[in-house]
Amino acid sequence: MVLFATVVSCSKDESVVVEEANYTIDLNLAMETDWELADAVLDLVNQHRATLDLPAIKRDQTYASAYAVEHTQYMIEKSRLSHDNFGVRSQALKDRGAKIVGENVAYGYETAEDVVHAWLNSPGHRKIIEGLFTHSGFGIIANERGDFYFTQLFYRK
């Protein structure tokens, strides 16, 4: 409760500490994603983009995927979908040269086709897929019951 009050009512000195947040990440996290499923999702996203004459998105198996995995682990821990702390992921990628950042999340889909179909049928998710992005990172992990959680981070360099 004290932390909540401190965050809500920070002074100018405290906000400097917030602005200096540490965006480091363990790049080994990227290896925890289901890369077979991630590659299938990226292939379908790029097939859709090709129908609109949009350039293909390249796979980022380093920072964007590490941040995506970290967020997917967070969603699994909370047992819910969210875009919580997206600003942290976005700023971390911008600190590494990204100009814009977007994110799609999902839960419970068993195949790449199912999750991409669902995203394309959602105006907000479709807008991200069709955005002016150049790279994408993935956090696709099954929970203890075998249900997949998806985080796909998009960015433009």
Protein backbone atom coordinates (compact mmCIF):
# COMPACT_ATOMS: atom_id res chain seq x y z
CA MET A 1 0.00 0.00 0.00
CA VAL A 2 2.84 2.39 0.78
CA LEU A 3 4.38 1.70 -2.63
CA PHE A 4 1.05 2.49 -4.30
CA ALA A 5 0.78 5.80 -2.46
CA THR A 6 4.37 6.65 -3.31
CA VAL A 7 3.88 5.92 -7.00
CA VAL A 8 0.64 7.88 -7.19
CA SER A 9 1.97 10.92 -5.36
CA CYS A 10 5.60 11.16 -6.39
CA SER A 11 7.49 14.41 -6.07
CA LYS A 12 9.66 15.84 -8.83
CA ASP A 13 12.71 14.16 -7.29
CA GLU A 14 10.97 10.77 -7.29
CA SER A 15 9.89 11.14 -10.93
CA VAL A 16 13.56 11.46 -11.93
CA VAL A 17 14.13 7.98 -10.53
CA VAL A 18 11.18 6.67 -12.54
CA GLU A 19 12.57 8.25 -15.72
CA GLU A 20 15.89 6.49 -15.13
CA ALA A 21 14.29 3.06 -15.07
CA ASN A 22 16.54 0.14 -15.98
CA TYR A 23 15.39 -1.61 -19.15
CA THR A 24 17.91 -4.44 -19.12
CA ILE A 25 16.71 -7.93 -19.95
CA ASP A 26 18.18 -11.42 -20.02
CA LEU A 27 18.43 -12.26 -23.73
CA ASN A 28 18.29 -15.98 -22.89
CA LEU A 29 14.57 -15.49 -22.23
CA ALA A 30 14.05 -15.33 -26.00
CA MET A 31 14.88 -19.03 -26.24
CA GLU A 32 11.89 -19.92 -24.06
CA THR A 33 9.39 -19.11 -26.78
CA ASP A 34 7.89 -21.85 -28.94
CA TRP A 35 9.84 -20.91 -32.09
CA GLU A 36 8.05 -23.39 -34.32
CA LEU A 37 4.73 -21.73 -33.49
CA ALA A 38 6.28 -18.25 -33.63
CA ASP A 39 7.70 -18.87 -37.11
CA ALA A 40 4.29 -20.10 -38.27
CA VAL A 41 2.62 -16.96 -36.87
CA LEU A 42 5.18 -14.72 -38.56
CA ASP A 43 4.74 -16.56 -41.85
CA LEU A 44 0.96 -16.04 -41.73
CA VAL A 45 1.34 -12.39 -40.72
CA ASN A 46 3.71 -11.85 -43.64
CA GLN A 47 1.38 -13.66 -46.05
CA HIS A 48 -1.39 -11.27 -45.03
CA ARG A 49 0.90 -8.25 -45.33
CA ALA A 50 1.93 -9.39 -48.83
CA THR A 51 -1.72 -9.22 -49.96
CA LEU A 52 -1.59 -5.50 -49.06
CA ASP A 53 1.81 -4.92 -50.69
CA LEU A 54 3.35 -4.33 -47.26
CA PRO A 55 6.95 -5.41 -46.65
CA ALA A 56 7.62 -8.61 -44.73
CA ILE A 57 8.40 -8.33 -41.05
CA LYS A 58 11.72 -9.78 -39.89
CA ARG A 59 12.03 -12.00 -36.82
CA ASP A 60 13.84 -10.46 -33.84
CA GLN A 61 15.08 -13.34 -31.73
CA THR A 62 16.91 -11.08 -29.28
CA TYR A 63 15.56 -8.08 -27.37
CA ALA A 64 11.99 -7.95 -28.67
CA SER A 65 11.54 -11.67 -28.06
CA ALA A 66 13.11 -11.49 -24.60
CA TYR A 67 10.67 -8.72 -23.64
CA ALA A 68 7.78 -10.63 -25.24
CA VAL A 69 8.67 -13.79 -23.28
CA GLU A 70 8.94 -11.80 -20.06
CA HIS A 71 5.45 -10.40 -20.65
CA THR A 72 4.01 -13.80 -21.56
CA GLN A 73 5.44 -15.22 -18.32
CA TYR A 74 3.79 -12.34 -16.48
CA MET A 75 0.41 -13.09 -18.09
CA ILE A 76 0.76 -16.79 -17.22
CA GLU A 77 1.60 -15.87 -13.62
CA LYS A 78 -1.48 -13.59 -13.43
CA SER A 79 -3.69 -16.05 -15.40
CA ARG A 80 -5.01 -13.23 -17.58
CA LEU A 81 -4.31 -11.36 -20.79
CA SER A 82 -2.96 -7.85 -20.46
CA HIS A 83 -0.87 -5.12 -21.96
CA ASP A 84 0.40 -4.25 -18.47
CA ASN A 85 3.75 -2.46 -18.54
CA PHE A 86 3.66 -2.06 -22.33
CA GLY A 87 5.30 1.33 -21.85
CA VAL A 88 8.36 -0.35 -20.35
CA ARG A 89 8.68 -2.76 -23.29
CA SER A 90 8.10 0.03 -25.78
CA GLN A 91 10.67 2.34 -24.19
CA ALA A 92 13.24 -0.46 -23.94
CA LEU A 93 12.93 -1.13 -27.68
CA LYS A 94 13.00 2.60 -28.46
CA ASP A 95 16.21 2.86 -26.45
CA ARG A 96 17.59 0.28 -28.91
CA GLY A 97 16.56 2.23 -32.00
CA ALA A 98 12.87 1.42 -32.53
CA LYS A 99 10.81 4.33 -33.86
CA ILE A 100 7.36 2.88 -33.06
CA VAL A 101 6.25 -0.20 -31.13
CA GLY A 102 3.04 -2.23 -31.14
CA GLU A 103 1.87 -5.36 -29.38
CA ASN A 104 -0.69 -8.13 -29.83
CA VAL A 105 -1.52 -10.65 -27.12
CA ALA A 106 -3.74 -13.72 -27.09
CA TYR A 107 -4.57 -16.80 -25.05
CA GLY A 108 -5.86 -20.28 -25.64
CA TYR A 109 -5.31 -20.71 -29.36
CA GLU A 110 -3.73 -24.01 -30.39
CA THR A 111 -2.45 -23.12 -33.85
CA ALA A 112 -0.82 -20.20 -35.61
CA GLU A 113 -3.75 -20.13 -38.03
CA ASP A 114 -6.25 -19.74 -35.19
CA VAL A 115 -4.44 -16.91 -33.41
CA VAL A 116 -3.65 -14.96 -36.60
CA HIS A 117 -7.25 -15.42 -37.80
CA ALA A 118 -8.52 -14.06 -34.48
CA TRP A 119 -6.17 -11.08 -34.64
CA LEU A 120 -7.16 -10.30 -38.22
CA ASN A 121 -10.83 -10.33 -37.20
CA SER A 122 -10.17 -7.75 -34.48
CA PRO A 123 -9.80 -4.20 -35.80
CA GLY A 124 -7.20 -3.20 -33.19
CA HIS A 125 -5.06 -6.28 -33.68
CA ARG A 126 -5.39 -6.08 -37.47
CA LYS A 127 -4.17 -2.47 -37.37
CA ILE A 128 -1.00 -3.62 -35.59
CA ILE A 129 -0.42 -6.48 -38.07
CA GLU A 130 -0.89 -4.07 -40.98
CA GLY A 131 1.20 -1.33 -39.38
CA LEU A 132 4.42 0.15 -40.67
CA PHE A 133 6.59 -2.25 -38.69
CA THR A 134 9.82 -3.92 -39.78
CA HIS A 135 10.57 -6.42 -36.98
CA SER A 136 8.75 -8.67 -34.54
CA GLY A 137 9.60 -10.55 -31.37
CA PHE A 138 7.64 -13.41 -29.84
CA GLY A 139 6.73 -14.76 -26.44
CA ILE A 140 4.68 -17.90 -27.06
CA ILE A 141 4.58 -20.20 -24.04
CA ALA A 142 2.16 -22.83 -22.76
CA ASN A 143 1.00 -22.67 -19.16
CA GLU A 144 1.00 -25.73 -16.89
CA ARG A 145 -2.24 -26.99 -18.52
CA GLY A 146 -0.77 -26.68 -22.00
CA ASP A 147 -2.77 -23.58 -22.99
CA PHE A 148 -0.72 -21.10 -25.03
CA TYR A 149 -0.27 -17.44 -24.18
CA PHE A 150 0.97 -15.21 -27.01
CA THR A 151 2.79 -11.89 -27.02
CA GLN A 152 3.91 -10.52 -30.36
CA LEU A 153 5.88 -7.27 -30.21
CA PHE A 154 6.19 -5.26 -33.41
CA TYR A 155 8.56 -2.37 -34.03
CA ARG A 156 9.98 -0.24 -36.81
CA LYS A 157 13.65 0.61 -36.95
